C-alpha atoms as a PDB file:
ATOM      1  CA  MET A   1      80.768  74.296 128.875  1.00  0.00           C
ATOM      2  CA  ASP A   2      82.663  78.066 128.118  1.00  0.00           C
ATOM      3  CA  PRO A   3      81.072  81.122 130.039  1.00  0.00           C
ATOM      4  CA  PRO A   4      79.243  83.558 128.185  1.00  0.00           C
ATOM      5  CA  LEU A   5      80.526  86.353 126.448  1.00  0.00           C
ATOM      6  CA  PHE A   6      79.348  89.401 129.128  1.00  0.00           C
ATOM      7  CA  GLN A   7      78.301  88.811 132.583  1.00  0.00           C
ATOM      8  CA  SER A   8      75.088  91.694 132.019  1.00  0.00           C
ATOM      9  CA  PRO A   9      72.416  89.453 130.175  1.00  0.00           C
ATOM     10  CA  VAL A  10      71.539  93.024 129.086  1.00  0.00           C
ATOM     11  CA  LEU A  11      74.390  92.669 126.914  1.00  0.00           C
ATOM     12  CA  ALA A  12      74.216  89.015 126.071  1.00  0.00           C
ATOM     13  CA  ARG A  13      71.019  90.214 124.209  1.00  0.00           C
ATOM     14  CA  SER A  14      72.306  93.431 122.906  1.00  0.00           C
ATOM     15  CA  PHE A  15      74.168  94.043 119.087  1.00  0.00           C
ATOM     16  CA  ILE A  16      77.569  94.983 118.545  1.00  0.00           C
ATOM     17  CA  ILE A  17      78.285  96.274 115.258  1.00  0.00           C
ATOM     18  CA  LYS A  18      81.434  97.263 113.541  1.00  0.00           C
ATOM     19  CA  HIS A  19      80.302 100.323 111.871  1.00  0.00           C
ATOM     20  CA  ARG A  20      82.298 102.143 109.099  1.00  0.00           C
ATOM     21  CA  LEU A  21      82.297 106.025 109.785  1.00  0.00           C
ATOM     22  CA  ARG A  22      80.815 108.893 107.685  1.00  0.00           C
ATOM     23  CA  PRO A  23      82.733 112.061 107.463  1.00  0.00           C
ATOM     24  CA  ASP A  24      80.573 113.969 109.407  1.00  0.00           C
ATOM     25  CA  GLU A  25      80.697 110.835 112.366  1.00  0.00           C
ATOM     26  CA  ARG A  26      84.746 111.327 111.920  1.00  0.00           C
ATOM     27  CA  LEU A  27      84.296 114.368 114.372  1.00  0.00           C
ATOM     28  CA  SER A  28      83.253 113.306 116.824  1.00  0.00           C
ATOM     29  CA  PHE A  29      86.859 110.761 117.469  1.00  0.00           C
ATOM     30  CA  PRO A  30      90.047 111.673 118.391  1.00  0.00           C
ATOM     31  CA  GLY A  31      92.723 111.057 114.920  1.00  0.00           C
ATOM     32  CA  VAL A  32      92.062 109.041 112.121  1.00  0.00           C
ATOM     33  CA  ARG A  33      90.202 105.740 112.052  1.00  0.00           C
ATOM     34  CA  PRO A  34      87.798 103.734 109.156  1.00  0.00           C
ATOM     35  CA  THR A  35      85.261 102.363 112.190  1.00  0.00           C
ATOM     36  CA  ALA A  36      84.334 102.712 115.585  1.00  0.00           C
ATOM     37  CA  THR A  37      82.056  99.946 117.709  1.00  0.00           C
ATOM     38  CA  LYS A  38      78.709 100.519 118.552  1.00  0.00           C
ATOM     39  CA  VAL A  39      76.774  99.151 121.360  1.00  0.00           C
ATOM     40  CA  VAL A  40      72.853  99.120 120.194  1.00  0.00           C
ATOM     41  CA  ILE A  41      70.265  98.027 123.346  1.00  0.00           C
ATOM     42  CA  PRO A  42      66.740  97.065 122.218  1.00  0.00           C
ATOM     43  CA  MET A  43      63.939  98.251 124.006  1.00  0.00           C
ATOM     44  CA  ASP A  44      61.817  94.742 124.066  1.00  0.00           C
ATOM     45  CA  PRO A  45      64.624  92.192 122.369  1.00  0.00           C
ATOM     46  CA  ARG A  46      61.630  90.142 121.323  1.00  0.00           C
ATOM     47  CA  ASN A  47      60.359  92.777 119.101  1.00  0.00           C
ATOM     48  CA  LEU A  48      62.739  95.176 117.326  1.00  0.00           C
ATOM     49  CA  ALA A  49      60.770  97.751 115.278  1.00  0.00           C
ATOM     50  CA  LEU A  50      60.201  99.627 119.125  1.00  0.00           C
ATOM     51  CA  GLY A  51      63.816 100.453 118.698  1.00  0.00           C
ATOM     52  CA  GLY A  52      66.347 101.038 121.391  1.00  0.00           C
ATOM     53  CA  LYS A  53      69.655 103.335 122.944  1.00  0.00           C
ATOM     54  CA  SER A  54      73.025 102.624 121.074  1.00  0.00           C
ATOM     55  CA  ALA A  55      76.134 104.869 121.171  1.00  0.00           C
ATOM     56  CA  PHE A  56      79.578 103.915 120.362  1.00  0.00           C
ATOM     57  CA  ILE A  57      82.135 102.732 122.714  1.00  0.00           C
ATOM     58  CA  SER A  58      84.207 105.809 122.100  1.00  0.00           C
ATOM     59  CA  GLU A  59      81.868 108.375 123.172  1.00  0.00           C
ATOM     60  CA  ALA A  60      81.626 110.468 125.924  1.00  0.00           C
ATOM     61  CA  TRP A  61      78.451 109.123 127.566  1.00  0.00           C
ATOM     62  CA  PHE A  62      78.812 105.777 126.507  1.00  0.00           C
ATOM     63  CA  GLY A  63      80.064 104.503 130.394  1.00  0.00           C
ATOM     64  CA  ASN A  64      76.676 106.315 131.480  1.00  0.00           C
ATOM     65  CA  LEU A  65      74.482 105.199 129.112  1.00  0.00           C
ATOM     66  CA  MET A  66      76.047 101.480 130.211  1.00  0.00           C
ATOM     67  CA  ALA A  67      75.748 102.201 133.943  1.00  0.00           C
ATOM     68  CA  GLU A  68      71.982 102.951 133.314  1.00  0.00           C
ATOM     69  CA  ALA A  69      70.761  99.796 131.153  1.00  0.00           C
ATOM     70  CA  THR A  70      72.996  96.709 132.957  1.00  0.00           C
ATOM     71  CA  GLY A  71      72.899  98.378 136.405  1.00  0.00           C
ATOM     72  CA  ILE A  72      76.944  98.163 136.598  1.00  0.00           C
ATOM     73  CA  PRO A  73      77.542 101.592 138.481  1.00  0.00           C
ATOM     74  CA  ASP A  74      80.882 102.118 137.040  1.00  0.00           C
ATOM     75  CA  PHE A  75      80.649 100.133 134.198  1.00  0.00           C
ATOM     76  CA  LEU A  76      83.425 101.259 132.111  1.00  0.00           C
ATOM     77  CA  ASN A  77      86.224  99.679 135.000  1.00  0.00           C
ATOM     78  CA  SER A  78      83.819  96.782 135.219  1.00  0.00           C
ATOM     79  CA  PRO A  79      84.988  92.693 133.204  1.00  0.00           C
ATOM     80  CA  ASP A  80      81.830  94.160 130.691  1.00  0.00           C
ATOM     81  CA  GLY A  81      83.870  97.708 130.536  1.00  0.00           C
ATOM     82  CA  VAL A  82      87.100  96.597 129.999  1.00  0.00           C
ATOM     83  CA  LEU A  83      85.870  93.726 127.141  1.00  0.00           C
ATOM     84  CA  MET A  84      84.028  96.389 125.456  1.00  0.00           C
ATOM     85  CA  ARG A  85      86.716  98.760 124.881  1.00  0.00           C
ATOM     86  CA  GLU A  86      89.078  96.024 124.147  1.00  0.00           C
ATOM     87  CA  PHE A  87      86.296  95.660 121.140  1.00  0.00           C
ATOM     88  CA  ASP A  88      86.348  98.638 120.304  1.00  0.00           C
ATOM     89  CA  ARG A  89      90.088  98.035 119.415  1.00  0.00           C
ATOM     90  CA  ILE A  90      89.629  94.906 117.396  1.00  0.00           C
ATOM     91  CA  PRO A  91      89.406  95.818 113.339  1.00  0.00           C
ATOM     92  CA  SER A  92      86.690  93.005 112.960  1.00  0.00           C
ATOM     93  CA  PHE A  93      84.442  90.207 114.435  1.00  0.00           C
ATOM     94  CA  ASP A  94      85.357  87.733 112.252  1.00  0.00           C
ATOM     95  CA  PRO A  95      85.284  84.433 114.407  1.00  0.00           C
ATOM     96  CA  PHE A  96      88.852  83.545 114.605  1.00  0.00           C
ATOM     97  CA  LEU A  97      90.093  86.906 114.638  1.00  0.00           C
ATOM     98  CA  MET A  98      88.332  87.682 117.539  1.00  0.00           C
ATOM     99  CA  ARG A  99      88.675  84.252 119.329  1.00  0.00           C
ATOM    100  CA  GLU A 100      92.544  85.000 119.498  1.00  0.00           C
ATOM    101  CA  TRP A 101      91.828  87.777 120.518  1.00  0.00           C
ATOM    102  CA  LEU A 102      89.850  87.401 123.370  1.00  0.00           C
ATOM    103  CA  ALA A 103      92.482  84.128 124.036  1.00  0.00           C
ATOM    104  CA  ARG A 104      95.433  86.742 124.484  1.00  0.00           C
ATOM    105  CA  MET A 105      93.505  88.451 126.860  1.00  0.00           C
ATOM    106  CA  GLY A 106      92.968  85.563 128.884  1.00  0.00           C
ATOM    107  CA  ARG A 107      89.586  85.042 128.109  1.00  0.00           C
ATOM    108  CA  THR A 108      87.337  82.598 126.823  1.00  0.00           C
ATOM    109  CA  ALA A 109      83.623  82.377 125.509  1.00  0.00           C
ATOM    110  CA  ASP A 110      80.834  79.290 124.171  1.00  0.00           C
ATOM    111  CA  ALA A 111      82.615  78.223 121.639  1.00  0.00           C
ATOM    112  CA  ARG A 112      79.226  79.297 119.279  1.00  0.00           C
ATOM    113  CA  TYR A 113      80.485  82.766 119.292  1.00  0.00           C
ATOM    114  CA  PHE A 114      82.953  81.432 116.993  1.00  0.00           C
ATOM    115  CA  GLU A 115      81.155  79.604 114.139  1.00  0.00           C
ATOM    116  CA  LEU A 116      80.698  80.513 111.285  1.00  0.00           C
ATOM    117  CA  THR A 117      77.641  81.341 109.480  1.00  0.00           C
ATOM    118  CA  PRO A 118      75.632  78.803 106.677  1.00  0.00           C
ATOM    119  CA  SER A 119      76.073  81.319 104.035  1.00  0.00           C
ATOM    120  CA  VAL A 120      80.359  82.088 104.347  1.00  0.00           C
ATOM    121  CA  ILE A 121      80.340  77.747 105.163  1.00  0.00           C
ATOM    122  CA  ALA A 122      78.232  76.962 101.942  1.00  0.00           C
ATOM    123  CA  GLY A 123      80.566  79.962  99.831  1.00  0.00           C
ATOM    124  CA  MET A 124      83.663  77.880 101.068  1.00  0.00           C
ATOM    125  CA  GLU A 125      82.679  74.188 100.800  1.00  0.00           C
ATOM    126  CA  ALA A 126      83.639  73.784  96.896  1.00  0.00           C
ATOM    127  CA  PHE A 127      86.837  75.951  98.167  1.00  0.00           C
ATOM    128  CA  VAL A 128      87.580  73.311 100.956  1.00  0.00           C
ATOM    129  CA  LEU A 129      87.020  70.151  98.996  1.00  0.00           C
ATOM    130  CA  GLU A 130      89.901  71.201  96.881  1.00  0.00           C
ATOM    131  CA  GLU A 131      92.543  72.151  99.361  1.00  0.00           C
ATOM    132  CA  ILE A 132      91.209  69.370 101.456  1.00  0.00           C
ATOM    133  CA  SER A 133      90.838  66.451  99.071  1.00  0.00           C
ATOM    134  CA  LEU A 134      94.404  65.066  98.939  1.00  0.00           C
ATOM    135  CA  LEU A 135      95.035  64.994 102.660  1.00  0.00           C
ATOM    136  CA  VAL A 136      91.464  63.375 103.251  1.00  0.00           C
ATOM    137  CA  SER A 137      92.544  60.796 100.180  1.00  0.00           C
ATOM    138  CA  MET A 138      95.673  59.747 102.095  1.00  0.00           C
ATOM    139  CA  ALA A 139      93.660  59.151 104.980  1.00  0.00           C
ATOM    140  CA  LEU A 140      91.556  56.681 104.292  1.00  0.00           C
ATOM    141  CA  SER A 141      94.676  55.346 102.004  1.00  0.00           C
ATOM    142  CA  GLY A 142      93.942  56.566  98.467  1.00  0.00           C
ATOM    143  CA  LYS A 143      90.387  55.392  98.305  1.00  0.00           C
ATOM    144  CA  PRO A 144      88.163  57.131  95.995  1.00  0.00           C
ATOM    145  CA  ALA A 145      86.595  59.254  98.379  1.00  0.00           C
ATOM    146  CA  SER A 146      84.938  62.140  96.632  1.00  0.00           C
ATOM    147  CA  ALA A 147      81.587  61.315  99.082  1.00  0.00           C
ATOM    148  CA  ALA A 148      84.319  61.300 102.087  1.00  0.00           C
ATOM    149  CA  VAL A 149      85.841  64.430 100.977  1.00  0.00           C
ATOM    150  CA  LEU A 150      82.692  66.211 101.465  1.00  0.00           C
ATOM    151  CA  ARG A 151      81.422  64.445 104.181  1.00  0.00           C
ATOM    152  CA  LEU A 152      84.742  66.033 106.108  1.00  0.00           C
ATOM    153  CA  ALA A 153      85.081  69.259 104.239  1.00  0.00           C
ATOM    154  CA  ARG A 154      80.862  69.887 106.062  1.00  0.00           C
ATOM    155  CA  LYS A 155      81.691  68.225 109.653  1.00  0.00           C
ATOM    156  CA  MET A 156      85.700  69.959 109.696  1.00  0.00           C
ATOM    157  CA  LEU A 157      83.686  73.654 108.563  1.00  0.00           C
ATOM    158  CA  SER A 158      80.830  72.518 111.084  1.00  0.00           C
ATOM    159  CA  SER A 159      83.195  71.588 114.280  1.00  0.00           C
ATOM    160  CA  GLN A 160      81.460  68.178 114.110  1.00  0.00           C
ATOM    161  CA  TYR A 161      84.168  66.501 115.017  1.00  0.00           C
ATOM    162  CA  ASP A 162      83.290  63.566 115.519  1.00  0.00           C
ATOM    163  CA  ASP A 163      84.928  59.530 114.957  1.00  0.00           C
ATOM    164  CA  ASP A 164      84.019  60.608 110.810  1.00  0.00           C
ATOM    165  CA  LEU A 165      87.386  63.060 111.481  1.00  0.00           C
ATOM    166  CA  ARG A 166      89.247  60.298 113.443  1.00  0.00           C
ATOM    167  CA  PRO A 167      91.037  58.963 110.729  1.00  0.00           C
ATOM    168  CA  LEU A 168      92.247  62.344 109.620  1.00  0.00           C
ATOM    169  CA  GLN A 169      93.471  62.904 113.225  1.00  0.00           C
ATOM    170  CA  GLU A 170      95.219  59.632 113.153  1.00  0.00           C
ATOM    171  CA  VAL A 171      97.154  61.435 110.040  1.00  0.00           C
ATOM    172  CA  LEU A 172      98.309  64.127 111.770  1.00  0.00           C
ATOM    173  CA  ARG A 173      99.036  62.218 115.237  1.00  0.00           C
ATOM    174  CA  MET A 174      97.144  64.024 117.187  1.00  0.00           C
ATOM    175  CA  THR A 175      95.744  63.892 120.968  1.00  0.00           C
ATOM    176  CA  PRO A 176      91.674  65.105 120.971  1.00  0.00           C
ATOM    177  CA  ASP A 177      92.757  68.312 121.988  1.00  0.00           C
ATOM    178  CA  ASP A 178      95.747  68.591 120.019  1.00  0.00           C
ATOM    179  CA  PHE A 179      92.670  67.909 117.044  1.00  0.00           C
ATOM    180  CA  ARG A 180      89.764  70.531 117.863  1.00  0.00           C
ATOM    181  CA  ASP A 181      92.575  73.018 118.093  1.00  0.00           C
ATOM    182  CA  GLY A 182      94.335  72.275 115.263  1.00  0.00           C
ATOM    183  CA  MET A 183      91.031  71.809 113.413  1.00  0.00           C
ATOM    184  CA  PHE A 184      90.592  75.456 114.218  1.00  0.00           C
ATOM    185  CA  GLY A 185      93.395  76.487 112.999  1.00  0.00           C
ATOM    186  CA  TRP A 186      93.064  74.702 109.897  1.00  0.00           C
ATOM    187  CA  LYS A 187      89.507  76.002 109.171  1.00  0.00           C
ATOM    188  CA  GLY A 188      90.552  79.905 109.950  1.00  0.00           C
ATOM    189  CA  LEU A 189      93.632  79.378 107.276  1.00  0.00           C
ATOM    190  CA  LEU A 190      91.283  77.988 104.712  1.00  0.00           C
ATOM    191  CA  TYR A 191      88.382  80.877 105.984  1.00  0.00           C
ATOM    192  CA  TYR A 192      91.067  83.456 105.226  1.00  0.00           C
ATOM    193  CA  LYS A 193      92.970  81.557 101.670  1.00  0.00           C
ATOM    194  CA  TRP A 194      88.924  81.653 100.628  1.00  0.00           C
ATOM    195  CA  LEU A 195      88.239  85.426 101.304  1.00  0.00           C
ATOM    196  CA  PHE A 196      91.537  86.618  99.846  1.00  0.00           C
ATOM    197  CA  ARG A 197      91.706  84.632  96.851  1.00  0.00           C
ATOM    198  CA  ARG A 198      87.719  86.516  95.619  1.00  0.00           C
ATOM    199  CA  VAL A 199      88.461  89.697  97.204  1.00  0.00           C
ATOM    200  CA  ASP A 200      92.686  89.881  95.720  1.00  0.00           C
ATOM    201  CA  ALA A 201      90.732  89.397  92.450  1.00  0.00           C
ATOM    202  CA  LYS A 202      88.932  92.497  92.610  1.00  0.00           C
ATOM    203  CA  VAL A 203      91.703  94.566  93.489  1.00  0.00           C
ATOM    204  CA  PRO A 204      93.229  95.427  89.750  1.00  0.00           C
ATOM    205  CA  ALA A 205      89.653  96.852  89.441  1.00  0.00           C
ATOM    206  CA  LEU A 206      89.694  99.068  91.817  1.00  0.00           C
ATOM    207  CA  ILE A 207      93.367 100.686  91.300  1.00  0.00           C
ATOM    208  CA  SER A 208      92.406 100.764  87.604  1.00  0.00           C
ATOM    209  CA  GLY A 209      88.921 102.359  88.276  1.00  0.00           C
ATOM    210  CA  LEU A 210      90.405 105.229  90.699  1.00  0.00           C
ATOM    211  CA  THR A 211      91.207 106.752  87.468  1.00  0.00           C
ATOM    212  CA  GLU A 212      89.072 105.573  84.720  1.00  0.00           C
ATOM    213  CA  ILE A 213      86.015 106.713  86.922  1.00  0.00           C
ATOM    214  CA  ARG A 214      87.264 110.750  86.785  1.00  0.00           C
ATOM    215  CA  PRO A 215      85.100 113.587  85.779  1.00  0.00           C
ATOM    216  CA  ARG A 216      86.148 115.055  82.216  1.00  0.00           C
ATOM    217  CA  ARG A 217      85.352 117.965  83.240  1.00  0.00           C
ATOM    218  CA  GLN A 218      84.576 120.584  86.333  1.00  0.00           C
ATOM    219  CA  ILE A 219      87.957 119.258  88.079  1.00  0.00           C
ATOM    220  CA  THR A 220      91.337 121.354  87.566  1.00  0.00           C
ATOM    221  CA  ARG A 221      94.734 119.933  87.567  1.00  0.00           C
ATOM    222  CA  ASP A 222      96.003 120.099  90.638  1.00  0.00           C
ATOM    223  CA  GLN A 223      92.783 118.530  92.374  1.00  0.00           C
ATOM    224  CA  ILE A 224      94.338 115.676  89.307  1.00  0.00           C
ATOM    225  CA  ASP A 225      97.751 115.583  90.847  1.00  0.00           C
ATOM    226  CA  GLU A 226      96.309 115.615  94.917  1.00  0.00           C
ATOM    227  CA  ALA A 227      94.039 112.991  93.266  1.00  0.00           C
ATOM    228  CA  ASN A 228      97.095 111.087  91.351  1.00  0.00           C
ATOM    229  CA  ALA A 229      98.742 111.343  95.214  1.00  0.00           C
ATOM    230  CA  MET A 230      95.480 109.469  97.029  1.00  0.00           C
ATOM    231  CA  ILE A 231      95.606 106.987  94.413  1.00  0.00           C
ATOM    232  CA  ARG A 232      99.349 105.949  94.530  1.00  0.00           C
ATOM    233  CA  PHE A 233      99.177 106.074  98.741  1.00  0.00           C
ATOM    234  CA  ILE A 234      95.975 103.810  97.908  1.00  0.00           C
ATOM    235  CA  SER A 235      97.962 100.966  95.609  1.00  0.00           C
ATOM    236  CA  SER A 236     101.017 100.955  97.872  1.00  0.00           C
ATOM    237  CA  GLY A 237      98.271 100.554 101.298  1.00  0.00           C
ATOM    238  CA  VAL A 238      96.654  98.007  99.530  1.00  0.00           C
ATOM    239  CA  LEU A 239      98.956  96.171  97.663  1.00  0.00           C
ATOM    240  CA  ALA A 240     101.347  96.021 101.203  1.00  0.00           C
ATOM    241  CA  CYS A 241      98.441  94.257 102.581  1.00  0.00           C
ATOM    242  CA  ALA A 242      98.250  91.514 100.132  1.00  0.00           C
ATOM    243  CA  ARG A 243     101.803  91.103 100.714  1.00  0.00           C
ATOM    244  CA  SER A 244     101.288  90.471 103.513  1.00  0.00           C
ATOM    245  CA  VAL A 245      98.309  87.992 103.171  1.00  0.00           C
ATOM    246  CA  GLN A 246     100.716  85.467 100.543  1.00  0.00           C
ATOM    247  CA  VAL A 247     103.284  85.121 103.273  1.00  0.00           C
ATOM    248  CA  SER A 248     101.815  84.294 105.658  1.00  0.00           C
ATOM    249  CA  LEU A 249      99.355  81.610 103.469  1.00  0.00           C
ATOM    250  CA  LEU A 250     102.679  80.453 101.710  1.00  0.00           C
ATOM    251  CA  ALA A 251     103.539  79.064 105.066  1.00  0.00           C
ATOM    252  CA  TYR A 252     100.483  77.393 105.280  1.00  0.00           C
ATOM    253  CA  ASP A 253     100.924  75.806 101.823  1.00  0.00           C
ATOM    254  CA  ASN A 254     104.224  74.880 102.692  1.00  0.00           C
ATOM    255  CA  ALA A 255     103.539  73.138 105.243  1.00  0.00           C
ATOM    256  CA  TYR A 256     100.715  71.243 103.565  1.00  0.00           C
ATOM    257  CA  ARG A 257     102.786  70.292 100.623  1.00  0.00           C
ATOM    258  CA  GLY A 258     105.420  68.635 103.437  1.00  0.00           C
ATOM    259  CA  LEU A 259     102.345  66.773 104.737  1.00  0.00           C
ATOM    260  CA  THR A 260     100.641  65.570 101.473  1.00  0.00           C
ATOM    261  CA  GLN A 261     104.063  64.852  99.324  1.00  0.00           C
ATOM    262  CA  THR A 262     107.107  63.770 102.072  1.00  0.00           C
ATOM    263  CA  GLN A 263     104.381  62.465 104.643  1.00  0.00           C
ATOM    264  CA  ASP A 264     105.409  65.130 107.274  1.00  0.00           C
ATOM    265  CA  PRO A 265     102.631  65.505 109.692  1.00  0.00           C
ATOM    266  CA  VAL A 266     104.786  67.173 112.678  1.00  0.00           C
ATOM    267  CA  GLY A 267     105.546  70.068 110.600  1.00  0.00           C
ATOM    268  CA  PHE A 268     101.888  70.714 109.426  1.00  0.00           C
ATOM    269  CA  ARG A 269     100.981  69.698 112.717  1.00  0.00           C
ATOM    270  CA  GLN A 270     103.098  71.878 114.594  1.00  0.00           C
ATOM    271  CA  PHE A 271     102.445  74.606 112.398  1.00  0.00           C
ATOM    272  CA  LEU A 272      98.430  74.584 112.762  1.00  0.00           C
ATOM    273  CA  LEU A 273      98.601  74.629 116.745  1.00  0.00           C
ATOM    274  CA  ARG A 274     100.566  78.259 115.756  1.00  0.00           C
ATOM    275  CA  ALA A 275      98.353  78.773 113.225  1.00  0.00           C
ATOM    276  CA  PRO A 276      95.919  81.320 115.175  1.00  0.00           C
ATOM    277  CA  GLN A 277      98.858  83.557 116.652  1.00  0.00           C
ATOM    278  CA  MET A 278      98.576  84.615 112.544  1.00  0.00           C
ATOM    279  CA  PHE A 279      94.839  86.013 112.500  1.00  0.00           C
ATOM    280  CA  LEU A 280      95.446  88.529 113.646  1.00  0.00           C
ATOM    281  CA  ASP A 281      97.784  90.031 111.259  1.00  0.00           C
ATOM    282  CA  LEU A 282      95.205  88.078 108.399  1.00  0.00           C
ATOM    283  CA  GLY A 283      92.140  89.642 109.551  1.00  0.00           C
ATOM    284  CA  GLU A 284      93.170  93.177 109.946  1.00  0.00           C
ATOM    285  CA  SER A 285      95.145  92.466 106.149  1.00  0.00           C
ATOM    286  CA  VAL A 286      91.946  90.533 104.380  1.00  0.00           C
ATOM    287  CA  GLY A 287      89.975  93.127 106.051  1.00  0.00           C
ATOM    288  CA  LEU A 288      91.269  96.359 105.058  1.00  0.00           C
ATOM    289  CA  ILE A 289      91.164  94.763 101.160  1.00  0.00           C
ATOM    290  CA  GLU A 290      87.430  93.075 101.784  1.00  0.00           C
ATOM    291  CA  HIS A 291      86.897  96.970 102.342  1.00  0.00           C
ATOM    292  CA  SER A 292      88.773  98.674 100.045  1.00  0.00           C
ATOM    293  CA  VAL A 293      86.846  96.605  96.801  1.00  0.00           C
ATOM    294  CA  ASP A 294      83.439  96.669  98.953  1.00  0.00           C
ATOM    295  CA  TYR A 295      83.413  99.894  99.041  1.00  0.00           C
ATOM    296  CA  TRP A 296      84.801 100.627  95.529  1.00  0.00           C
ATOM    297  CA  GLY A 297      82.186  98.393  93.955  1.00  0.00           C
ATOM    298  CA  TYR A 298      79.140 100.131  96.521  1.00  0.00           C
ATOM    299  CA  ARG A 299      80.353 103.713  95.604  1.00  0.00           C
ATOM    300  CA  SER A 300      81.045 104.251  92.365  1.00  0.00           C
ATOM    301  CA  LYS A 301      78.579 102.095  91.286  1.00  0.00           C
ATOM    302  CA  ALA A 302      75.896 105.267  92.994  1.00  0.00           C
ATOM    303  CA  ILE A 303      77.933 108.137  90.792  1.00  0.00           C
ATOM    304  CA  GLU A 304      76.076 110.593  88.499  1.00  0.00           C
ATOM    305  CA  PRO A 305      78.563 110.879  85.563  1.00  0.00           C
ATOM    306  CA  ARG A 306      76.794 114.387  84.406  1.00  0.00           C
ATOM    307  CA  ARG A 307      76.902 115.832  88.567  1.00  0.00           C
ATOM    308  CA  PHE A 308      80.317 114.123  89.280  1.00  0.00           C
ATOM    309  CA  SER A 309      83.096 116.800  89.894  1.00  0.00           C
ATOM    310  CA  GLY A 310      85.915 117.396  90.910  1.00  0.00           C
ATOM    311  CA  ASP A 311      85.036 118.050  94.644  1.00  0.00           C
ATOM    312  CA  ASP A 312      83.220 115.269  94.547  1.00  0.00           C
ATOM    313  CA  TYR A 313      86.066 112.708  92.847  1.00  0.00           C
ATOM    314  CA  LEU A 314      88.863 114.060  95.333  1.00  0.00           C
ATOM    315  CA  THR A 315      85.694 113.049  98.455  1.00  0.00           C
ATOM    316  CA  LEU A 316      85.750 109.502  97.099  1.00  0.00           C
ATOM    317  CA  ILE A 317      89.192 108.925  96.852  1.00  0.00           C
ATOM    318  CA  SER A 318      90.064 110.305 100.422  1.00  0.00           C
ATOM    319  CA  GLU A 319      87.445 108.495 101.702  1.00  0.00           C
ATOM    320  CA  LEU A 320      88.760 105.023 100.779  1.00  0.00           C
ATOM    321  CA  LYS A 321      92.366 106.109 101.609  1.00  0.00           C
ATOM    322  CA  GLU A 322      91.394 106.764 105.165  1.00  0.00           C
ATOM    323  CA  GLY A 323      89.231 103.883 104.662  1.00  0.00           C
ATOM    324  CA  LEU A 324      92.927 101.834 104.851  1.00  0.00           C
ATOM    325  CA  GLY A 325      94.216 103.938 107.288  1.00  0.00           C
ATOM    326  CA  VAL A 326      97.197 104.668 104.749  1.00  0.00           C
END
């Protein structure tokens, strides 16, 4: 079994959260950053209602708080302290991005840290069925495979790599260890493709909504010009992220097409084993688009048109721009 992520049992029971910074909170952090990483240590893990102690990793008193809570005197220079600072650099905690980030640090951790949640698996299921049905049919020698596809898709998403997946392993001509790593790479690519399809469909509404929601009164010409400039930055930033994701996913589609149309398992196998190298860029780009459309969906619904002024409009757009890091 792989080792736990943290040496301190206190941290193993804590909550580590990617927190979207509010305007007043940004004053505590140098430079411009959309998120910070907060650590929450419950007073009693069995009764969260009692509250706990918390701090952002970048805050000056973080080391002292962690030293007191964990009993590690020089916490910031301990293995857990180094790992925490790395967690503050990673853009999100999605399992594929996190696993690759740890691998680049030379760290391993229990595989349960990288499992997809049941809600994500349920959302992906139909998409994955569509994506892998042709390959599973090949693995089963062209037999009708609707039930088999569903069974294998569920096992693939939940990492249950047992004998039911052996025909797939044989088609890909992989050793058991390579197959396990290849399935992780494939699952990650399907996850990002599924997530990108969901968020990319909302981008047109985001871009058009930025001008449609503009106040009709209480706004000056200068404010309109400033808003238009920020909207151009936001549009170009979102579209640049989308193009980056599309390039990676096109490479996957070409490799998969080579396997299913020209029966080339070697090229697809090699692509899958290299896939985790893409996860850092994919995770950051898809995450930025997802944040933008979710932020817009949440904030735009809360607007009261009669009270929405030019200042409010500029604040809304500038927060979205800062969140993109543009």
